[in-house]
């Protein structure tokens, strides 16, 4: 009759004096994670099954001393305690996210000599709990690799059970690229948002947002908000509730490696940026005052005569709202065929919105500057004043325009973050 142990144990017989053979059970049960469920140590025909993981104690058998009579005293064989390890995710799992938590656990006893190795045989980082019953992965795994677990479970009585199994990580269809603005080492104005752009639209924004970290010195209140920028890419923008304090040090982390963006797209390399907020410079531009006033740390440092949009229609109205300096050009060709000019060379141009609004020199409107608004939406200054302002401005400076009935909005792109009330901005966060 076949053994009930399914190939893992066998009945043994010994020859006794007189040439007779007497059957003696000598059974070993090993339960390892990932093995098919073994039958228990029992006589043939038993239908019981041992658990895939847990503790099994194999009862002792009695062995008669060879050559002795049937009435001789039996010698007990010590019991073997078998403790199986379990894993989360289960051993044998495939398509695991490299950033997913991995643990190996035993219900009692202790884990000894355990290692998880990559295909090259290199151990990955991990840590045993204080009671030696749980091993926890301590690093992000690689894409498309098979990792092998091997170790031993030692019971209180000294019995040992091997640990074996594998985990296979996902192979991405494509890897998502990430960009952070401002970049390393930059010094920016007090209205500069943090912009983390992705090459694909995330399927689960909350999952991706969890991988983003902002650290500031001093601490600054702020919120993430998801927006689509002018280049079509989706981004998580972070802006403070109020303007940044001057000289704030900012550290940004996009820990997106191993993060599922959906559709077979997974995060590429992690990225960081360290930048600094510069001096506090705020421009106040009341179109009805015909002046542009520059403040630093709340103190007026310059007042320039200006001419704003004539306001005869929406196209020719300078938008009211908090604009943000995004670019500077000593020389800039400007075109607006609808209003009769193309490739017109202007000087000392500071872009304050992606809708075409600049603060720039216009010698042709000097006589109107300070008294009349005649532009098609830009802010006109004299050449002298435009150059002075140009030299004082940096990326991220706020320009607060007031006095018109056309508000700055998302359709004016690209940095419209400050046109959204803070409580509404918070609602754009994914968590």
Protein backbone atom coordinates (compact mmCIF):
# COMPACT_ATOMS: atom_id res chain seq x y z
CA UNK A 1 0.00 0.00 0.00
CA UNK A 2 1.34 3.49 -0.86
CA UNK A 3 2.38 5.75 1.99
CA UNK A 4 -0.05 8.53 2.96
CA UNK A 5 2.91 10.97 3.08
CA UNK A 6 2.79 11.69 -0.68
CA UNK A 7 6.49 11.02 -1.21
CA UNK A 8 7.76 13.07 1.76
CA UNK A 9 7.97 10.09 4.18
CA UNK A 10 8.28 6.31 3.95
CA UNK A 11 7.68 3.33 6.14
CA UNK A 12 10.89 1.66 7.23
CA UNK A 13 11.41 -1.90 8.39
CA UNK A 14 14.13 -3.48 10.38
CA UNK A 15 15.25 -7.11 10.45
CA UNK A 16 14.94 -8.80 13.84
CA UNK A 17 16.57 -11.91 15.24
CA UNK A 18 15.09 -15.00 13.69
CA UNK A 19 14.78 -13.36 10.26
CA UNK A 20 11.37 -11.82 10.84
CA UNK A 21 10.66 -8.22 9.90
CA UNK A 22 8.48 -5.90 11.97
CA UNK A 23 7.24 -2.52 10.51
CA UNK A 24 8.20 0.58 12.48
CA UNK A 25 6.93 4.14 11.67
CA UNK A 26 9.84 6.51 11.18
CA UNK A 27 8.09 9.58 9.79
CA UNK A 28 9.38 13.10 9.07
CA UNK A 29 7.01 15.92 8.07
CA UNK A 30 8.48 19.15 6.69
CA UNK A 31 6.08 22.02 6.04
CA UNK A 32 7.60 24.83 4.00
CA UNK A 33 5.80 27.84 2.63
CA UNK A 34 4.90 27.27 -0.99
CA UNK A 35 4.85 23.42 -0.73
CA UNK A 36 1.67 21.51 -1.50
CA UNK A 37 -0.16 20.60 1.72
CA UNK A 38 1.48 17.45 3.09
CA UNK A 39 -0.30 14.63 4.78
CA UNK A 40 0.29 14.33 8.51
CA UNK A 41 2.48 11.73 10.13
CA UNK A 42 0.08 8.83 10.37
CA UNK A 43 -0.55 5.35 9.14
CA UNK A 44 -1.45 4.72 5.48
CA UNK A 45 -5.00 5.58 4.62
CA UNK A 46 -5.32 8.60 6.90
CA UNK A 47 -7.25 11.47 5.28
CA UNK A 48 -6.11 14.33 7.57
CA UNK A 49 -4.06 17.25 6.19
CA UNK A 50 -1.46 19.53 7.76
CA UNK A 51 -1.76 23.31 7.38
CA UNK A 52 0.39 25.17 4.82
CA UNK A 53 1.85 27.23 7.61
CA UNK A 54 1.89 26.74 11.34
CA UNK A 55 3.16 24.19 13.81
CA UNK A 56 3.03 20.42 13.46
CA UNK A 57 4.36 18.07 16.13
CA UNK A 58 5.11 14.57 14.86
CA UNK A 59 4.46 12.08 17.70
CA UNK A 60 7.27 9.73 18.76
CA UNK A 61 7.41 6.15 17.51
CA UNK A 62 8.54 3.14 19.54
CA UNK A 63 11.47 1.18 18.18
CA UNK A 64 12.32 -2.26 19.55
CA UNK A 65 15.92 -3.11 20.08
CA UNK A 66 17.14 -5.50 17.36
CA UNK A 67 17.63 -9.02 18.66
CA UNK A 68 15.43 -8.54 21.68
CA UNK A 69 12.23 -10.37 22.37
CA UNK A 70 8.87 -8.83 21.60
CA UNK A 71 8.43 -8.07 25.27
CA UNK A 72 11.60 -5.95 25.43
CA UNK A 73 11.30 -2.25 26.43
CA UNK A 74 10.73 0.11 23.42
CA UNK A 75 13.09 3.08 22.80
CA UNK A 76 11.09 6.28 21.98
CA UNK A 77 12.07 8.41 18.96
CA UNK A 78 11.94 12.14 19.92
CA UNK A 79 9.08 14.20 18.47
CA UNK A 80 9.87 16.76 15.73
CA UNK A 81 8.19 20.18 15.85
CA UNK A 82 7.63 21.59 12.38
CA UNK A 83 6.94 25.35 12.13
CA UNK A 84 6.10 26.72 8.71
CA UNK A 85 6.73 30.34 7.70
CA UNK A 86 4.14 32.46 5.91
CA UNK A 87 4.80 35.51 3.71
CA UNK A 88 2.95 38.67 2.69
CA UNK A 89 2.61 38.74 -0.26
CA UNK A 90 2.55 34.95 -0.45
CA UNK A 91 5.58 33.06 -1.65
CA UNK A 92 5.29 32.50 -5.37
CA UNK A 93 3.53 35.83 -5.99
CA UNK A 94 4.28 37.62 -9.26
CA UNK A 95 3.84 41.18 -10.58
CA UNK A 96 4.67 42.61 -7.15
CA UNK A 97 5.25 46.38 -6.98
CA UNK A 98 8.93 47.01 -6.15
CA UNK A 99 7.83 49.42 -3.42
CA UNK A 100 5.34 46.99 -1.87
CA UNK A 101 5.99 45.91 1.74
CA UNK A 102 7.23 42.31 2.11
CA UNK A 103 7.21 40.32 5.35
CA UNK A 104 8.03 36.75 6.36
CA UNK A 105 6.50 35.57 9.65
CA UNK A 106 6.40 32.50 11.92
CA UNK A 107 3.79 31.87 14.65
CA UNK A 108 6.37 30.68 17.19
CA UNK A 109 9.99 29.74 17.41
CA UNK A 110 12.44 32.05 15.65
CA UNK A 111 13.69 32.85 12.16
CA UNK A 112 17.40 32.13 11.75
CA UNK A 113 19.83 32.40 8.85
CA UNK A 114 17.28 34.18 6.67
CA UNK A 115 18.14 36.03 3.46
CA UNK A 116 16.27 37.40 0.46
CA UNK A 117 18.57 37.53 -2.57
CA UNK A 118 18.32 39.05 -6.05
CA UNK A 119 19.10 37.09 -9.25
CA UNK A 120 22.80 37.87 -8.78
CA UNK A 121 22.79 36.34 -5.31
CA UNK A 122 23.11 39.68 -3.52
CA UNK A 123 21.21 40.03 -0.26
CA UNK A 124 18.60 42.76 -0.08
CA UNK A 125 18.18 44.83 3.04
CA UNK A 126 15.79 43.63 5.71
CA UNK A 127 15.33 43.49 9.45
CA UNK A 128 14.19 40.92 12.00
CA UNK A 129 11.77 41.92 14.73
CA UNK A 130 12.92 41.87 18.35
CA UNK A 131 11.29 38.46 18.91
CA UNK A 132 12.87 37.09 15.70
CA UNK A 133 9.48 36.05 14.35
CA UNK A 134 9.05 38.62 11.55
CA UNK A 135 11.44 39.66 8.81
CA UNK A 136 10.58 42.92 7.02
CA UNK A 137 11.96 44.14 3.70
CA UNK A 138 14.09 47.27 4.09
CA UNK A 139 14.56 48.55 0.53
CA UNK A 140 12.77 49.01 -2.77
CA UNK A 141 13.20 46.05 -5.12
CA UNK A 142 14.07 46.16 -8.81
CA UNK A 143 11.68 45.81 -11.74
CA UNK A 144 11.22 42.44 -13.46
CA UNK A 145 13.33 40.34 -11.07
CA UNK A 146 12.89 37.09 -9.17
CA UNK A 147 13.92 37.26 -5.51
CA UNK A 148 14.64 34.06 -3.58
CA UNK A 149 13.96 33.59 0.12
CA UNK A 150 15.93 31.04 2.13
CA UNK A 151 16.32 30.49 5.84
CA UNK A 152 15.43 28.35 8.81
CA UNK A 153 12.76 28.29 11.51
CA UNK A 154 14.06 26.97 14.83
CA UNK A 155 11.53 25.64 17.38
CA UNK A 156 11.95 25.82 21.14
CA UNK A 157 12.95 22.15 21.23
CA UNK A 158 15.69 22.75 18.68
CA UNK A 159 13.80 21.27 15.74
CA UNK A 160 14.40 23.12 12.45
CA UNK A 161 12.24 23.71 9.39
CA UNK A 162 13.56 25.27 6.17
CA UNK A 163 12.10 28.47 4.67
CA UNK A 164 12.02 28.69 0.90
CA UNK A 165 10.08 30.62 -1.72
CA UNK A 166 10.25 33.36 -4.34
CA UNK A 167 8.79 36.78 -5.15
CA UNK A 168 8.69 38.18 -8.70
CA UNK A 169 8.39 41.94 -9.32
CA UNK A 170 6.42 43.57 -12.12
CA UNK A 171 7.92 44.38 -15.54
CA UNK A 172 6.63 47.85 -16.63
CA UNK A 173 5.36 48.59 -20.12
CA UNK A 174 6.96 52.03 -19.71
CA UNK A 175 8.62 54.09 -17.00
CA UNK A 176 7.24 57.50 -16.11
CA UNK A 177 9.63 60.46 -16.16
CA UNK A 178 9.39 63.19 -13.52
CA UNK A 179 10.50 66.84 -13.45
CA UNK A 180 10.66 69.15 -10.44
CA UNK A 181 10.59 72.95 -10.54
CA UNK A 182 12.29 74.93 -9.06
CA UNK A 183 15.47 72.97 -9.64
CA UNK A 184 18.51 72.32 -7.49
CA UNK A 185 20.31 75.41 -6.26
CA UNK A 186 17.79 77.94 -7.59
CA UNK A 187 16.83 81.09 -5.68
CA UNK A 188 13.23 82.04 -6.40
CA UNK A 189 10.55 84.53 -5.43
CA UNK A 190 8.02 84.20 -2.64
CA UNK A 191 5.16 83.14 -4.96
CA UNK A 192 6.99 80.30 -6.73
CA UNK A 193 4.98 77.08 -6.57
CA UNK A 194 6.63 73.67 -6.43
CA UNK A 195 5.72 71.88 -9.67
CA UNK A 196 6.20 68.10 -10.01
CA UNK A 197 5.35 67.09 -13.59
CA UNK A 198 4.80 63.58 -14.93
CA UNK A 199 5.05 62.25 -18.48
CA UNK A 200 1.70 60.45 -18.11
CA UNK A 201 -1.54 61.25 -16.32
CA UNK A 202 -1.57 59.22 -13.09
CA UNK A 203 -4.41 56.74 -12.78
CA UNK A 204 -4.38 56.94 -8.98
CA UNK A 205 -3.40 60.47 -7.96
CA UNK A 206 -3.65 59.70 -4.24
CA UNK A 207 -1.14 56.84 -4.60
CA UNK A 208 1.29 59.04 -6.54
CA UNK A 209 0.85 61.97 -4.16
CA UNK A 210 1.90 59.74 -1.26
CA UNK A 211 5.32 59.45 -2.90
CA UNK A 212 5.84 63.24 -2.86
CA UNK A 213 7.51 64.92 0.12
CA UNK A 214 8.02 68.62 0.94
CA UNK A 215 10.34 69.66 3.77
CA UNK A 216 10.80 73.35 4.60
CA UNK A 217 12.91 75.31 7.06
CA UNK A 218 11.12 77.03 8.71
CA UNK A 219 7.88 75.01 8.58
CA UNK A 220 5.39 76.45 6.09
CA UNK A 221 1.70 75.61 5.68
CA UNK A 222 0.69 74.62 2.17
CA UNK A 223 -1.10 72.08 0.00
CA UNK A 224 -0.75 69.98 -3.13
CA UNK A 225 -3.12 70.59 -6.00
CA UNK A 226 -3.39 68.63 -9.27
CA UNK A 227 -3.38 70.72 -12.45
CA UNK A 228 -2.74 70.25 -16.14
CA UNK A 229 -0.13 72.66 -17.42
CA UNK A 230 0.13 74.39 -20.78
CA UNK A 231 2.36 71.66 -22.22
CA UNK A 232 -0.43 69.15 -21.57
CA UNK A 233 1.39 67.38 -18.78
CA UNK A 234 -0.26 66.70 -15.44
CA UNK A 235 1.46 67.89 -12.32
CA UNK A 236 1.13 68.04 -8.58
CA UNK A 237 1.74 71.69 -7.66
CA UNK A 238 2.45 72.65 -4.05
CA UNK A 239 1.88 76.24 -2.97
CA UNK A 240 2.01 77.77 0.48
CA UNK A 241 -1.14 79.21 2.01
CA UNK A 242 0.48 82.64 1.94
CA UNK A 243 3.67 83.80 0.27
CA UNK A 244 6.82 81.94 1.28
CA UNK A 245 8.81 83.53 4.11
CA UNK A 246 12.00 85.06 2.73
CA UNK A 247 15.05 82.77 2.82
CA UNK A 248 13.04 79.58 3.35
CA UNK A 249 15.02 76.43 2.51
CA UNK A 250 12.96 73.87 0.57
CA UNK A 251 13.63 70.16 -0.03
CA UNK A 252 11.40 68.22 -2.46
CA UNK A 253 11.32 64.45 -3.01
CA UNK A 254 9.49 62.57 -5.76
CA UNK A 255 9.91 58.95 -4.62
CA UNK A 256 8.01 57.53 -7.57
CA UNK A 257 10.19 54.52 -8.40
CA UNK A 258 8.03 51.42 -8.01
CA UNK A 259 4.77 53.42 -7.96
CA UNK A 260 1.95 52.23 -10.22
CA UNK A 261 0.71 55.03 -12.52
CA UNK A 262 -1.77 52.71 -14.26
CA UNK A 263 -1.94 51.28 -17.75
CA UNK A 264 1.37 49.44 -17.39
CA UNK A 265 3.17 52.70 -16.54
CA UNK A 266 5.37 52.65 -13.47
CA UNK A 267 7.46 55.35 -11.85
CA UNK A 268 10.99 55.90 -13.13
CA UNK A 269 13.94 57.07 -11.07
CA UNK A 270 13.37 58.97 -7.84
CA UNK A 271 14.11 62.69 -8.03
CA UNK A 272 14.91 65.46 -5.53
CA UNK A 273 15.34 69.22 -5.61
CA UNK A 274 16.80 71.62 -3.07
CA UNK A 275 16.22 75.34 -3.58
CA UNK A 276 15.88 78.55 -1.59
CA UNK A 277 13.34 81.35 -1.41
CA UNK A 278 15.05 84.69 -1.93
CA UNK A 279 14.20 88.18 -0.69
CA UNK A 280 10.55 89.18 -0.42
CA UNK A 281 9.71 91.33 -3.45
CA UNK A 282 6.08 92.05 -4.28
CA UNK A 283 4.84 94.31 -7.08
CA UNK A 284 1.51 96.10 -6.66
CA UNK A 285 0.00 97.20 -9.95
CA UNK A 286 -3.26 99.18 -9.68
CA UNK A 287 -4.29 99.88 -13.28
CA UNK A 288 -6.28 102.94 -12.22
CA UNK A 289 -3.27 104.50 -10.47
CA UNK A 290 -1.16 104.28 -13.65
CA UNK A 291 1.76 103.28 -11.45
CA UNK A 292 3.77 100.13 -10.77
CA UNK A 293 5.06 99.99 -7.17
CA UNK A 294 7.83 97.63 -6.05
CA UNK A 295 7.99 96.52 -2.40
CA UNK A 296 10.78 94.63 -0.69
CA UNK A 297 10.10 93.25 2.79
CA UNK A 298 6.99 95.47 2.84
CA UNK A 299 8.90 98.68 2.09
CA UNK A 300 8.50 100.66 -1.15
CA UNK A 301 11.78 100.59 -3.08
CA UNK A 302 10.58 101.91 -6.46
CA UNK A 303 7.57 103.58 -8.07
CA UNK A 304 7.30 103.69 -11.87
CA UNK A 305 4.85 105.48 -14.16
CA UNK A 306 3.01 102.82 -16.16
CA UNK A 307 0.38 102.27 -18.80
CA UNK A 308 -1.82 99.16 -18.65
CA UNK A 309 -4.30 97.48 -21.01
CA UNK A 310 -6.80 99.92 -22.51
CA UNK A 311 -9.67 97.65 -21.47
CA UNK A 312 -11.87 98.19 -24.53
CA UNK A 313 -12.47 94.42 -24.60
CA UNK A 314 -11.35 91.33 -22.71
CA UNK A 315 -8.33 90.78 -24.96
CA UNK A 316 -7.01 94.25 -24.19
CA UNK A 317 -7.55 94.12 -20.45
CA UNK A 318 -4.73 93.44 -18.00
CA UNK A 319 -6.02 90.61 -15.80
CA UNK A 320 -6.59 91.28 -12.12
CA UNK A 321 -5.04 88.77 -9.76
CA UNK A 322 -1.72 87.46 -8.53
CA UNK A 323 0.58 86.97 -11.50
CA UNK A 324 3.94 85.21 -11.13
CA UNK A 325 7.18 86.16 -12.89
CA UNK A 326 8.14 83.16 -15.03
CA UNK A 327 10.65 84.42 -17.64
CA UNK A 328 12.84 87.40 -18.53
CA UNK A 329 14.08 88.54 -21.94
CA UNK A 330 16.41 91.44 -22.55
CA UNK A 331 15.10 91.41 -26.14
CA UNK A 332 11.78 89.85 -27.11
CA UNK A 333 9.91 89.66 -30.42
CA UNK A 334 6.19 90.11 -29.74
CA UNK A 335 3.32 89.38 -32.10
CA UNK A 336 -0.41 90.03 -31.99
CA UNK A 337 -1.69 89.97 -35.60
CA UNK A 338 -5.23 90.60 -34.42
CA UNK A 339 -4.11 94.06 -33.29
CA UNK A 340 -1.75 94.82 -36.13
CA UNK A 341 1.76 93.88 -35.08
CA UNK A 342 4.06 90.91 -35.61
CA UNK A 343 7.66 90.28 -34.53
CA UNK A 344 7.83 93.66 -32.87
CA UNK A 345 11.11 93.94 -30.95
CA UNK A 346 10.62 94.94 -27.31
CA UNK A 347 13.24 95.30 -24.59
CA UNK A 348 13.53 94.41 -20.88
CA UNK A 349 10.51 92.07 -21.06
CA UNK A 350 9.42 90.25 -17.89
CA UNK A 351 6.70 87.64 -18.46
CA UNK A 352 4.02 87.61 -15.76
CA UNK A 353 1.52 85.27 -17.43
CA UNK A 354 1.46 82.71 -20.23
CA UNK A 355 -1.40 84.61 -21.89
CA UNK A 356 1.05 87.18 -23.30
CA UNK A 357 1.19 89.67 -20.43
CA UNK A 358 4.63 91.22 -19.91
CA UNK A 359 6.10 94.17 -18.06
CA UNK A 360 8.36 95.74 -20.69
CA UNK A 361 9.80 98.93 -22.12
CA UNK A 362 7.71 100.86 -24.63
CA UNK A 363 9.25 104.22 -25.58
CA UNK A 364 6.24 104.93 -27.82
CA UNK A 365 3.85 105.24 -24.83
CA UNK A 366 6.03 107.27 -22.46
CA UNK A 367 3.70 110.28 -22.71
CA UNK A 368 0.74 108.10 -21.64
CA UNK A 369 2.62 106.33 -18.85
CA UNK A 370 1.43 107.68 -15.52
CA UNK A 371 -1.88 109.00 -16.85
CA UNK A 372 -3.56 106.78 -19.48
CA UNK A 373 -3.90 103.06 -20.20
CA UNK A 374 -3.23 102.40 -23.90
CA UNK A 375 -1.62 98.95 -24.21
CA UNK A 376 -3.16 95.70 -25.46
CA UNK A 377 -2.77 94.13 -22.01
CA UNK A 378 0.91 94.44 -21.14
CA UNK A 379 2.38 96.86 -18.62
CA UNK A 380 4.39 99.58 -20.38
CA UNK A 381 7.30 101.36 -18.69
CA UNK A 382 9.98 103.73 -19.95
CA UNK A 383 13.21 102.09 -21.06
CA UNK A 384 15.01 103.30 -17.94
CA UNK A 385 12.33 102.05 -15.58
CA UNK A 386 11.84 98.78 -17.46
CA UNK A 387 15.54 97.98 -17.23
CA UNK A 388 15.60 98.78 -13.50
CA UNK A 389 12.61 96.54 -12.83
CA UNK A 390 14.03 93.79 -15.08
CA UNK A 391 17.23 93.72 -13.02
CA UNK A 392 15.29 93.45 -9.74
CA UNK A 393 12.92 90.63 -10.77
CA UNK A 394 13.46 86.90 -10.31
CA UNK A 395 11.40 83.83 -11.15
CA UNK A 396 8.55 83.41 -8.67
CA UNK A 397 8.05 87.08 -7.77
CA UNK A 398 4.36 87.98 -7.39
CA UNK A 399 2.81 90.83 -9.36
CA UNK A 400 -0.56 91.80 -7.85
CA UNK A 401 -2.72 93.47 -10.49
CA UNK A 402 -5.93 95.16 -9.35
CA UNK A 403 -8.58 97.46 -10.80
CA UNK A 404 -9.97 95.49 -13.77
CA UNK A 405 -13.07 93.34 -14.14
CA UNK A 406 -11.31 90.43 -15.89
CA UNK A 407 -9.75 88.05 -13.36
CA UNK A 408 -6.67 85.94 -13.98
CA UNK A 409 -7.72 82.29 -14.32
CA UNK A 410 -6.58 78.84 -15.40
CA UNK A 411 -7.20 79.69 -19.06
CA UNK A 412 -4.47 82.33 -18.76
CA UNK A 413 -1.97 79.54 -17.77
CA UNK A 414 0.63 78.48 -16.90
CA UNK A 415 1.17 79.43 -13.25
CA UNK A 416 -2.33 80.32 -12.15
CA UNK A 417 -2.06 78.68 -8.72
CA UNK A 418 -2.51 81.95 -6.82
CA UNK A 419 -5.71 82.79 -8.71
CA UNK A 420 -7.41 79.95 -6.81
CA UNK A 421 -8.57 80.68 -3.21
CA UNK A 422 -6.60 78.55 -0.76
CA UNK A 423 -9.60 76.54 0.47
CA UNK A 424 -10.44 75.69 -3.14
CA UNK A 425 -6.80 74.90 -3.85
CA UNK A 426 -6.83 72.40 -0.98
CA UNK A 427 -9.76 70.59 -2.65
CA UNK A 428 -7.49 69.93 -5.67
CA UNK A 429 -5.30 67.73 -3.49
CA UNK A 430 -5.76 63.97 -3.85
CA UNK A 431 -5.61 63.37 -0.12
